[in-house]
């Protein structure tokens, strides 16, 4: 049988004949590597589009900020450019740097929006306190902080050419973490239930020893005002019991792993345990009690699951961020409405987006004009904080409380953020160096999570990243580490149990 040959100029596709020469290689197609991935897989860089987008952003910033004073316009433009550059850098990593992306999202909601609004208004306020002179220095502090954090994270990626998962191609997703032998859904349910029970007992002891009641703890549905229970327990060595409430956060992490990776069967029992754990964490009005373990659970699920939806991290980041903002606005607004449970959604959203920039501006106005920088005093509290007042009755209060008195005249529970505590201690030089080191450590923990091949390591690194983000968001390093002690301790205990449960199966890759 003779197969007809195409006529000259005929571009139709014909089956090749037995004597036809092989087709020439397609030079435009990506070539496969020894690992089985096409060379260039996952790369979507378009230099021309990036240059055009950067130019349009620069023109827009110049046009919008042209009517501002020179210094204010410069630092606000620098803040926006640094934030946008850091976010783009995180989203173009392979795999996407989820940890740095979450940090950039927090920066946008709680600092960038507030700094922009304050710059155009010429002032910023929190409650009855109004700050004007500290607006531009505050914007400068925030811009320098995030630039240094980005520089620290980027410096780490210079080692290994930005490939946190070793020699795998840049576009390859890290291999799923194998499940340890003998780790069943029933076993995880028992661990989660035990953690919730111990956390509940510690929470009841905390309330009762403080001379209060559970109604004083429940600021969401009860009649208490946020902070009532904390004031009732001052001077008593009872807050150690509240830190153990974070054991319920470890239960949430384990249940998330159970549903996504192990099994969805017999779901009623773990759902009930999860609802009780979430209620214990959020009922006191502290948003971080729930958000920190929730972020850790998300990182564990992303790292351990091979489900298709985990390959779309950008989409899920947006959805999770929107849900977290709504919940944070709800809790933050309700806990501040003494005796009133009628929600004003506009007021709650406005309260949420001012973030922590007003305290930053107040800090810039106060130091060093009214008081000198304090040095490492707030960080040295890491040594004194674990000592109970029953053993050290004259233990001094936190030095950041003195800073609040200098700014507001009383303690209002204001958050200065990680950058603010660095500025209180060492000034702008401290902001630069401390933020650089934080970015280095933060991204190192992320790279270690991507490389991890054991579940116990994944649990520890995910919780470490979530706690680091909380420290960066709130400041008060000593207090935040003490508050997350229960979460860290519970995770360490579970990690030890996993190691003793037997070796993990070999990685098929």
Protein backbone atom coordinates (compact mmCIF):
# COMPACT_ATOMS: atom_id res chain seq x y z
CA UNK A 1 0.00 0.00 0.00
CA UNK A 2 1.36 3.37 -0.98
CA UNK A 3 0.65 6.35 1.25
CA UNK A 4 0.23 9.52 -0.81
CA UNK A 5 2.82 12.21 -0.25
CA UNK A 6 1.65 15.79 0.29
CA UNK A 7 1.96 18.15 -2.57
CA UNK A 8 4.44 21.04 -2.29
CA UNK A 9 2.93 23.80 -0.16
CA UNK A 10 0.29 21.48 1.32
CA UNK A 11 0.17 22.29 5.09
CA UNK A 12 -2.39 19.63 5.99
CA UNK A 13 -1.33 16.99 8.50
CA UNK A 14 -0.78 13.55 6.93
CA UNK A 15 0.30 10.36 8.69
CA UNK A 16 4.00 9.71 8.13
CA UNK A 17 4.94 6.95 5.72
CA UNK A 18 7.22 4.06 6.59
CA UNK A 19 10.09 5.56 4.62
CA UNK A 20 9.55 9.19 5.64
CA UNK A 21 12.37 10.85 7.61
CA UNK A 22 11.57 11.73 11.24
CA UNK A 23 10.15 15.14 11.94
CA UNK A 24 12.67 17.78 12.97
CA UNK A 25 12.70 18.57 16.68
CA UNK A 26 10.46 21.38 17.85
CA UNK A 27 12.95 23.89 19.18
CA UNK A 28 10.17 25.89 20.85
CA UNK A 29 8.96 22.98 22.98
CA UNK A 30 10.47 22.55 26.46
CA UNK A 31 12.97 19.74 26.73
CA UNK A 32 12.56 17.10 29.42
CA UNK A 33 15.18 16.72 32.08
CA UNK A 34 16.37 13.57 33.79
CA UNK A 35 13.89 14.13 36.60
CA UNK A 36 10.98 13.91 34.14
CA UNK A 37 9.97 17.55 34.34
CA UNK A 38 10.18 19.82 31.30
CA UNK A 39 12.92 22.36 31.50
CA UNK A 40 11.36 25.70 32.32
CA UNK A 41 8.30 24.02 33.80
CA UNK A 42 6.29 26.43 35.91
CA UNK A 43 8.03 29.57 34.67
CA UNK A 44 5.73 32.29 33.51
CA UNK A 45 8.10 35.24 33.47
CA UNK A 46 7.24 37.94 30.96
CA UNK A 47 9.85 40.70 31.25
CA UNK A 48 8.04 43.11 28.93
CA UNK A 49 4.74 42.83 30.81
CA UNK A 50 6.52 43.21 34.14
CA UNK A 51 8.32 46.35 32.99
CA UNK A 52 5.09 47.87 31.66
CA UNK A 53 3.22 47.04 34.88
CA UNK A 54 6.01 48.52 37.02
CA UNK A 55 6.03 51.67 34.86
CA UNK A 56 2.27 52.12 35.12
CA UNK A 57 2.44 51.63 38.89
CA UNK A 58 5.22 54.20 39.19
CA UNK A 59 3.28 56.73 37.07
CA UNK A 60 0.14 56.14 39.12
CA UNK A 61 2.02 56.61 42.38
CA UNK A 62 3.62 59.84 41.15
CA UNK A 63 0.27 61.19 39.99
CA UNK A 64 -1.59 60.26 43.16
CA UNK A 65 1.11 61.41 45.58
CA UNK A 66 2.01 64.60 43.72
CA UNK A 67 -0.15 66.80 45.95
CA UNK A 68 1.48 65.51 49.14
CA UNK A 69 4.50 67.11 50.84
CA UNK A 70 7.78 65.82 49.44
CA UNK A 71 8.84 63.70 52.42
CA UNK A 72 5.35 62.23 52.92
CA UNK A 73 5.00 61.40 49.22
CA UNK A 74 8.45 59.81 49.08
CA UNK A 75 7.97 57.48 52.05
CA UNK A 76 4.42 56.54 51.12
CA UNK A 77 5.50 55.71 47.56
CA UNK A 78 8.43 53.74 48.98
CA UNK A 79 6.06 51.81 51.24
CA UNK A 80 3.77 50.87 48.36
CA UNK A 81 6.63 49.89 46.06
CA UNK A 82 8.35 47.79 48.71
CA UNK A 83 5.09 46.08 49.67
CA UNK A 84 4.10 45.35 46.04
CA UNK A 85 7.63 44.14 45.23
CA UNK A 86 7.73 41.81 48.22
CA UNK A 87 4.31 40.37 47.41
CA UNK A 88 5.23 39.81 43.76
CA UNK A 89 8.48 38.17 44.84
CA UNK A 90 6.64 35.79 47.16
CA UNK A 91 4.00 34.85 44.58
CA UNK A 92 6.57 34.08 41.88
CA UNK A 93 8.60 31.67 44.03
CA UNK A 94 8.44 27.98 43.08
CA UNK A 95 6.62 26.86 45.13
CA UNK A 96 4.81 30.02 46.13
CA UNK A 97 6.16 31.32 49.43
CA UNK A 98 2.89 31.00 51.33
CA UNK A 99 4.42 32.22 54.59
CA UNK A 100 5.77 35.46 53.09
CA UNK A 101 2.55 36.02 51.15
CA UNK A 102 0.51 35.81 54.36
CA UNK A 103 2.89 38.26 56.02
CA UNK A 104 2.48 40.67 53.09
CA UNK A 105 -1.30 40.35 53.33
CA UNK A 106 -1.19 41.22 57.02
CA UNK A 107 1.03 44.22 56.23
CA UNK A 108 -1.46 45.49 53.68
CA UNK A 109 -4.53 45.31 55.93
CA UNK A 110 -3.01 46.47 59.19
CA UNK A 111 -0.29 48.90 58.06
CA UNK A 112 -0.36 49.93 54.40
CA UNK A 113 -4.03 50.96 54.36
CA UNK A 114 -3.73 52.83 57.66
CA UNK A 115 -0.50 54.55 56.60
CA UNK A 116 -2.01 55.65 53.28
CA UNK A 117 -5.18 57.01 54.87
CA UNK A 118 -3.21 58.84 57.55
CA UNK A 119 -0.82 60.41 55.03
CA UNK A 120 -3.60 61.87 52.91
CA UNK A 121 -5.56 63.00 55.97
CA UNK A 122 -2.48 64.46 57.62
CA UNK A 123 -3.30 62.68 60.87
CA UNK A 124 -4.27 59.34 62.37
CA UNK A 125 -6.27 58.54 65.46
CA UNK A 126 -7.11 55.74 67.83
CA UNK A 127 -9.93 56.36 70.26
CA UNK A 128 -9.60 59.96 71.48
CA UNK A 129 -5.88 60.22 70.66
CA UNK A 130 -4.88 62.04 67.48
CA UNK A 131 -1.34 62.00 66.04
CA UNK A 132 -0.08 64.33 63.30
CA UNK A 133 3.67 64.84 63.54
CA UNK A 134 4.35 61.12 63.76
CA UNK A 135 2.57 60.16 60.53
CA UNK A 136 5.48 60.54 58.09
CA UNK A 137 8.10 59.10 60.50
CA UNK A 138 5.70 56.22 61.13
CA UNK A 139 5.37 55.53 57.39
CA UNK A 140 9.15 55.61 57.13
CA UNK A 141 9.46 53.09 59.98
CA UNK A 142 7.01 50.70 58.35
CA UNK A 143 8.61 51.01 54.88
CA UNK A 144 12.11 50.41 56.23
CA UNK A 145 10.89 47.42 58.28
CA UNK A 146 9.25 45.63 55.36
CA UNK A 147 12.14 46.41 53.03
CA UNK A 148 14.55 44.83 55.52
CA UNK A 149 12.30 41.78 56.02
CA UNK A 150 12.13 41.30 52.25
CA UNK A 151 15.91 41.73 51.97
CA UNK A 152 16.49 39.08 54.63
CA UNK A 153 14.17 36.59 52.92
CA UNK A 154 15.65 37.30 49.48
CA UNK A 155 19.21 36.97 50.80
CA UNK A 156 18.40 33.44 51.94
CA UNK A 157 17.23 32.53 48.43
CA UNK A 158 20.61 33.43 47.00
CA UNK A 159 21.76 30.10 48.45
CA UNK A 160 20.57 27.22 46.27
CA UNK A 161 19.35 29.59 43.54
CA UNK A 162 15.97 29.98 45.18
CA UNK A 163 15.12 26.27 45.14
CA UNK A 164 14.00 25.38 48.67
CA UNK A 165 13.19 21.80 47.64
CA UNK A 166 16.72 20.83 46.67
CA UNK A 167 17.55 19.65 43.17
CA UNK A 168 13.98 19.34 41.94
CA UNK A 169 13.07 21.58 39.00
CA UNK A 170 11.94 25.06 39.94
CA UNK A 171 8.32 24.42 38.95
CA UNK A 172 7.89 21.09 40.74
CA UNK A 173 5.65 20.87 43.78
CA UNK A 174 7.40 19.20 46.74
CA UNK A 175 6.50 15.57 47.24
CA UNK A 176 3.75 14.86 49.81
CA UNK A 177 4.92 13.83 53.25
CA UNK A 178 4.31 10.10 53.87
CA UNK A 179 1.94 9.19 56.69
CA UNK A 180 3.62 7.54 59.69
CA UNK A 181 2.93 3.85 60.19
CA UNK A 182 0.02 3.20 62.54
CA UNK A 183 -1.35 6.76 62.45
CA UNK A 184 -5.07 6.13 62.03
CA UNK A 185 -8.09 8.41 62.13
CA UNK A 186 -9.19 6.90 65.45
CA UNK A 187 -5.79 7.58 66.97
CA UNK A 188 -5.85 11.21 65.84
CA UNK A 189 -9.36 11.63 67.22
CA UNK A 190 -8.24 10.31 70.61
CA UNK A 191 -5.25 12.66 70.70
CA UNK A 192 -7.41 15.65 69.76
CA UNK A 193 -10.03 14.79 72.38
CA UNK A 194 -7.39 14.43 75.09
CA UNK A 195 -5.87 17.81 74.18
CA UNK A 196 -9.29 19.49 74.29
CA UNK A 197 -10.12 17.97 77.68
CA UNK A 198 -6.83 19.13 79.22
CA UNK A 199 -7.28 22.58 77.68
CA UNK A 200 -10.83 22.85 79.02
CA UNK A 201 -9.74 21.86 82.53
CA UNK A 202 -6.96 24.43 82.48
CA UNK A 203 -9.38 27.11 81.24
CA UNK A 204 -11.84 26.40 84.08
CA UNK A 205 -9.00 26.52 86.62
CA UNK A 206 -7.87 29.84 85.19
CA UNK A 207 -11.34 31.36 85.52
CA UNK A 208 -12.05 30.03 88.99
CA UNK A 209 -8.65 30.88 90.48
CA UNK A 210 -9.02 34.41 89.12
CA UNK A 211 -12.15 34.78 91.21
CA UNK A 212 -14.32 35.18 88.14
CA UNK A 213 -16.90 33.12 86.25
CA UNK A 214 -17.24 31.74 82.75
CA UNK A 215 -19.59 34.66 81.96
CA UNK A 216 -16.62 36.98 82.49
CA UNK A 217 -14.67 34.99 79.93
CA UNK A 218 -17.33 34.95 77.22
CA UNK A 219 -17.21 38.42 75.68
CA UNK A 220 -18.87 37.26 72.46
CA UNK A 221 -22.25 36.11 73.72
CA UNK A 222 -22.11 37.13 77.38
CA UNK A 223 -22.23 40.42 79.24
CA UNK A 224 -18.53 40.80 79.99
CA UNK A 225 -16.29 43.48 78.53
CA UNK A 226 -13.00 42.51 76.94
CA UNK A 227 -10.27 42.56 79.56
CA UNK A 228 -12.51 42.07 82.61
CA UNK A 229 -11.14 38.62 83.34
CA UNK A 230 -7.57 39.71 82.78
CA UNK A 231 -7.97 42.52 85.31
CA UNK A 232 -9.65 40.16 87.77
CA UNK A 233 -6.67 37.83 87.65
CA UNK A 234 -3.92 40.41 88.07
CA UNK A 235 -1.42 39.52 90.73
CA UNK A 236 -2.39 35.83 90.84
CA UNK A 237 -0.30 33.02 89.36
CA UNK A 238 -3.19 31.77 87.28
CA UNK A 239 -2.44 32.90 83.73
CA UNK A 240 -0.28 29.82 83.28
CA UNK A 241 -3.49 27.83 83.06
CA UNK A 242 -4.80 30.01 80.24
CA UNK A 243 -1.73 29.34 78.12
CA UNK A 244 -2.63 25.65 78.29
CA UNK A 245 -5.91 26.50 76.58
CA UNK A 246 -3.86 26.59 73.37
CA UNK A 247 -3.72 22.79 73.52
CA UNK A 248 -7.08 23.04 71.76
CA UNK A 249 -5.19 24.68 68.89
CA UNK A 250 -3.04 21.57 68.51
CA UNK A 251 -6.26 19.56 68.34
CA UNK A 252 -7.45 21.70 65.41
CA UNK A 253 -4.19 21.07 63.55
CA UNK A 254 -4.47 17.31 64.06
CA UNK A 255 -8.12 17.24 62.97
CA UNK A 256 -7.34 19.18 59.80
CA UNK A 257 -4.65 16.62 58.96
CA UNK A 258 -7.07 13.81 59.77
CA UNK A 259 -9.78 15.05 57.40
CA UNK A 260 -7.62 16.02 54.45
CA UNK A 261 -4.89 13.37 54.51
CA UNK A 262 -6.01 10.36 56.58
CA UNK A 263 -9.77 9.81 56.35
CA UNK A 264 -13.12 11.60 56.11
CA UNK A 265 -15.08 8.64 57.44
CA UNK A 266 -16.91 8.78 60.78
CA UNK A 267 -16.84 12.56 60.64
CA UNK A 268 -19.35 13.36 63.44
CA UNK A 269 -16.94 12.81 66.34
CA UNK A 270 -14.01 14.89 65.02
CA UNK A 271 -16.38 17.66 63.92
CA UNK A 272 -17.78 17.87 67.45
CA UNK A 273 -14.26 17.95 68.91
CA UNK A 274 -13.25 20.67 66.45
CA UNK A 275 -16.28 22.84 67.25
CA UNK A 276 -15.57 22.62 70.98
CA UNK A 277 -11.89 23.41 70.42
CA UNK A 278 -12.66 26.46 68.23
CA UNK A 279 -15.21 27.71 70.79
CA UNK A 280 -12.66 27.43 73.60
CA UNK A 281 -10.12 29.38 71.59
CA UNK A 282 -12.34 32.25 70.44
CA UNK A 283 -14.70 32.78 73.36
CA UNK A 284 -12.23 34.96 75.28
CA UNK A 285 -12.12 37.48 72.43
CA UNK A 286 -8.44 36.97 71.61
CA UNK A 287 -8.30 36.48 67.85
CA UNK A 288 -4.76 35.11 67.84
CA UNK A 289 -5.84 32.15 69.97
CA UNK A 290 -7.73 30.80 66.95
CA UNK A 291 -5.84 32.34 64.02
CA UNK A 292 -2.38 31.03 64.95
CA UNK A 293 -3.37 27.32 65.03
CA UNK A 294 -5.61 27.86 61.98
CA UNK A 295 -2.62 29.13 59.99
CA UNK A 296 -0.51 26.22 61.24
CA UNK A 297 -3.25 23.79 60.19
CA UNK A 298 -3.35 25.34 56.71
CA UNK A 299 0.41 24.93 56.29
CA UNK A 300 0.26 21.30 57.46
CA UNK A 301 -2.54 20.52 55.02
CA UNK A 302 -0.76 22.18 52.09
CA UNK A 303 2.49 20.37 52.81
CA UNK A 304 1.07 16.89 53.47
CA UNK A 305 -1.84 16.61 51.04
CA UNK A 306 -1.61 15.60 47.40
CA UNK A 307 -5.12 16.85 46.57
CA UNK A 308 -5.52 18.90 43.42
CA UNK A 309 -6.87 21.97 45.22
CA UNK A 310 -3.61 22.37 47.16
CA UNK A 311 -1.94 23.21 43.83
CA UNK A 312 -3.89 26.48 43.68
CA UNK A 313 -2.37 28.32 46.68
CA UNK A 314 -3.04 31.83 45.38
CA UNK A 315 -6.79 31.25 45.10
CA UNK A 316 -7.05 29.74 48.57
CA UNK A 317 -4.91 32.50 50.06
CA UNK A 318 -7.40 35.09 48.83
CA UNK A 319 -10.43 33.18 50.15
CA UNK A 320 -8.81 32.42 53.51
CA UNK A 321 -7.63 36.02 53.86
CA UNK A 322 -11.11 37.39 53.24
CA UNK A 323 -12.64 34.97 55.74
CA UNK A 324 -10.00 35.82 58.36
CA UNK A 325 -10.60 39.56 57.91
CA UNK A 326 -14.36 39.17 58.37
CA UNK A 327 -13.91 37.06 61.51
CA UNK A 328 -11.26 39.41 62.91
CA UNK A 329 -13.49 42.45 62.33
CA UNK A 330 -16.42 40.68 63.97
CA UNK A 331 -14.51 39.58 67.08
CA UNK A 332 -12.60 42.85 67.39
CA UNK A 333 -15.75 44.90 67.09
CA UNK A 334 -17.94 42.84 69.42
CA UNK A 335 -15.43 42.71 72.22
CA UNK A 336 -15.18 46.51 72.25
CA UNK A 337 -18.94 47.17 72.49
CA UNK A 338 -19.64 47.21 76.20
CA UNK A 339 -23.20 46.06 76.88
CA UNK A 340 -24.14 46.36 73.20
CA UNK A 341 -24.42 43.39 70.83
CA UNK A 342 -25.89 45.30 67.87
CA UNK A 343 -23.29 45.05 65.13
CA UNK A 344 -22.40 48.09 63.03
CA UNK A 345 -20.62 46.42 60.12
CA UNK A 346 -19.21 49.65 58.67
CA UNK A 347 -17.77 50.64 62.04
CA UNK A 348 -16.28 47.21 62.57
CA UNK A 349 -14.55 47.20 59.18
CA UNK A 350 -13.24 50.74 59.70
CA UNK A 351 -11.89 49.78 63.11
CA UNK A 352 -10.15 46.75 61.64
CA UNK A 353 -8.38 48.47 58.74
CA UNK A 354 -6.79 51.23 60.83
CA UNK A 355 -4.69 48.38 62.18
CA UNK A 356 -1.63 49.22 64.25
CA UNK A 357 -0.48 52.30 62.36
CA UNK A 358 -1.87 54.85 64.88
CA UNK A 359 0.27 53.40 67.73
CA UNK A 360 3.22 53.44 65.33
CA UNK A 361 2.69 57.16 64.67
CA UNK A 362 2.31 57.81 68.39
CA UNK A 363 5.53 55.93 69.01
CA UNK A 364 7.36 58.04 66.42
CA UNK A 365 6.11 61.22 68.11
CA UNK A 366 7.12 60.12 71.60
CA UNK A 367 10.58 58.60 71.08
CA UNK A 368 13.13 59.97 71.45
CA UNK A 369 11.47 63.36 72.03
CA UNK A 370 9.80 62.53 75.36
CA UNK A 371 11.64 59.38 76.43
CA UNK A 372 14.85 57.65 75.40
CA UNK A 373 15.10 54.31 73.69
CA UNK A 374 14.99 51.49 76.21
CA UNK A 375 17.58 49.08 74.90
CA UNK A 376 17.00 45.33 75.16
CA UNK A 377 14.85 45.56 78.31
CA UNK A 378 11.67 44.21 76.69
CA UNK A 379 13.53 41.23 75.22
CA UNK A 380 15.23 40.43 78.52
CA UNK A 381 11.74 39.87 79.94
CA UNK A 382 11.94 36.45 78.29
CA UNK A 383 13.97 35.44 81.35
CA UNK A 384 11.74 37.06 83.98
CA UNK A 385 8.32 36.33 82.51
CA UNK A 386 8.18 32.58 83.30
CA UNK A 387 8.79 33.24 87.02
CA UNK A 388 5.43 33.31 88.90
CA UNK A 389 4.65 36.34 91.02
CA UNK A 390 4.04 33.93 93.89
CA UNK A 391 7.82 33.37 93.86
CA UNK A 392 8.75 36.93 92.81
CA UNK A 393 6.15 39.33 94.29
CA UNK A 394 8.04 42.44 93.14
CA UNK A 395 8.49 41.27 89.56
CA UNK A 396 8.35 44.43 87.39
CA UNK A 397 5.67 44.93 84.78
CA UNK A 398 6.51 44.99 81.09
CA UNK A 399 8.51 48.04 80.01
CA UNK A 400 6.24 48.45 76.98
CA UNK A 401 3.53 49.33 79.48
CA UNK A 402 5.63 52.38 80.40
CA UNK A 403 5.76 53.32 76.73
CA UNK A 404 1.97 53.13 76.52
CA UNK A 405 1.71 55.41 79.54
CA UNK A 406 4.01 57.93 77.87
CA UNK A 407 1.94 57.92 74.65
CA UNK A 408 -1.65 57.48 75.85
CA UNK A 409 -1.48 58.32 79.54
CA UNK A 410 -2.81 54.85 80.40
CA UNK A 411 -2.56 51.26 79.24
CA UNK A 412 -5.01 50.63 76.39
CA UNK A 413 -3.60 47.33 75.12
CA UNK A 414 -2.17 48.96 71.99
CA UNK A 415 -0.08 46.84 69.67
CA UNK A 416 3.17 48.30 68.34
CA UNK A 417 4.08 45.36 66.12
CA UNK A 418 7.51 43.82 65.76
CA UNK A 419 8.86 46.98 64.13
CA UNK A 420 7.57 49.11 67.01
CA UNK A 421 9.28 47.05 69.69
CA UNK A 422 12.54 47.19 67.74
CA UNK A 423 12.20 50.97 67.49
CA UNK A 424 11.49 51.26 71.22
CA UNK A 425 14.63 49.26 71.97
CA UNK A 426 17.22 50.42 69.44
CA UNK A 427 15.76 53.09 67.14
CA UNK A 428 15.83 52.90 63.35
CA UNK A 429 19.07 50.92 63.31
CA UNK A 430 17.33 48.26 65.36
CA UNK A 431 14.39 48.24 62.92
CA UNK A 432 16.75 47.60 60.01
CA UNK A 433 18.87 44.88 61.60
CA UNK A 434 16.09 43.17 63.55
CA UNK A 435 13.73 43.08 60.56
CA UNK A 436 16.49 41.68 58.32
CA UNK A 437 17.17 38.88 60.80
CA UNK A 438 13.45 38.18 61.13
CA UNK A 439 13.07 37.85 57.35
CA UNK A 440 16.06 35.50 57.28
CA UNK A 441 14.67 33.25 60.05
CA UNK A 442 11.10 33.38 58.74
CA UNK A 443 12.02 32.33 55.21
CA UNK A 444 14.47 29.72 56.54
CA UNK A 445 11.61 28.11 58.46
CA UNK A 446 9.52 28.13 55.27
CA UNK A 447 12.28 26.49 53.23
CA UNK A 448 12.75 23.89 55.94
CA UNK A 449 9.02 23.16 55.85
CA UNK A 450 9.13 22.63 52.09
CA UNK A 451 12.09 20.26 52.45
CA UNK A 452 10.67 18.34 55.45
CA UNK A 453 9.99 14.65 54.86
CA UNK A 454 8.54 13.68 58.26
CA UNK A 455 5.19 14.62 59.76
CA UNK A 456 6.64 15.57 63.14
CA UNK A 457 8.98 18.08 61.47
CA UNK A 458 6.11 19.46 59.40
CA UNK A 459 4.01 20.02 62.54
CA UNK A 460 6.82 21.78 64.40
CA UNK A 461 7.79 24.01 61.48
CA UNK A 462 4.17 24.95 60.66
CA UNK A 463 3.51 26.00 64.25
CA UNK A 464 6.83 27.87 64.34
CA UNK A 465 5.87 29.88 61.24
CA UNK A 466 2.44 30.70 62.65
CA UNK A 467 3.94 31.85 65.98
CA UNK A 468 6.56 33.95 64.18
CA UNK A 469 3.83 35.68 62.19
CA UNK A 470 1.94 36.42 65.41
CA UNK A 471 5.09 37.90 66.98
CA UNK A 472 5.64 40.06 63.91
CA UNK A 473 2.02 41.22 63.96
CA UNK A 474 1.72 42.03 67.63
CA UNK A 475 5.17 42.73 69.03
CA UNK A 476 5.67 42.10 72.75
CA UNK A 477 7.96 39.18 71.92
CA UNK A 478 8.21 37.89 75.49
CA UNK A 479 4.47 38.07 76.10
CA UNK A 480 3.57 36.48 72.78
CA UNK A 481 5.94 33.57 73.30
CA UNK A 482 4.46 33.04 76.75
CA UNK A 483 0.92 33.18 75.37
CA UNK A 484 1.68 30.57 72.72
CA UNK A 485 3.43 28.25 75.17
CA UNK A 486 0.54 25.78 75.26
CA UNK A 487 0.44 25.50 71.47
CA UNK A 488 4.19 24.94 71.22
CA UNK A 489 4.25 22.48 74.13
CA UNK A 490 1.35 20.45 72.74
CA UNK A 491 2.99 20.30 69.32
CA UNK A 492 6.26 19.07 70.79
CA UNK A 493 4.41 16.34 72.71
CA UNK A 494 2.58 15.19 69.57
CA UNK A 495 5.85 15.26 67.58
CA UNK A 496 7.49 12.99 70.19
CA UNK A 497 4.54 10.59 70.06
CA UNK A 498 4.80 10.46 66.26
CA UNK A 499 8.50 9.63 66.41
CA UNK A 500 7.89 6.84 68.91
CA UNK A 501 5.03 5.46 66.84
CA UNK A 502 7.38 3.96 64.27
CA UNK A 503 9.29 5.07 61.18
CA UNK A 504 7.56 6.59 58.21
CA UNK A 505 7.41 4.60 54.97
CA UNK A 506 10.03 5.32 52.38
CA UNK A 507 9.47 8.29 50.12
CA UNK A 508 8.44 6.82 46.73
CA UNK A 509 10.07 9.74 44.91
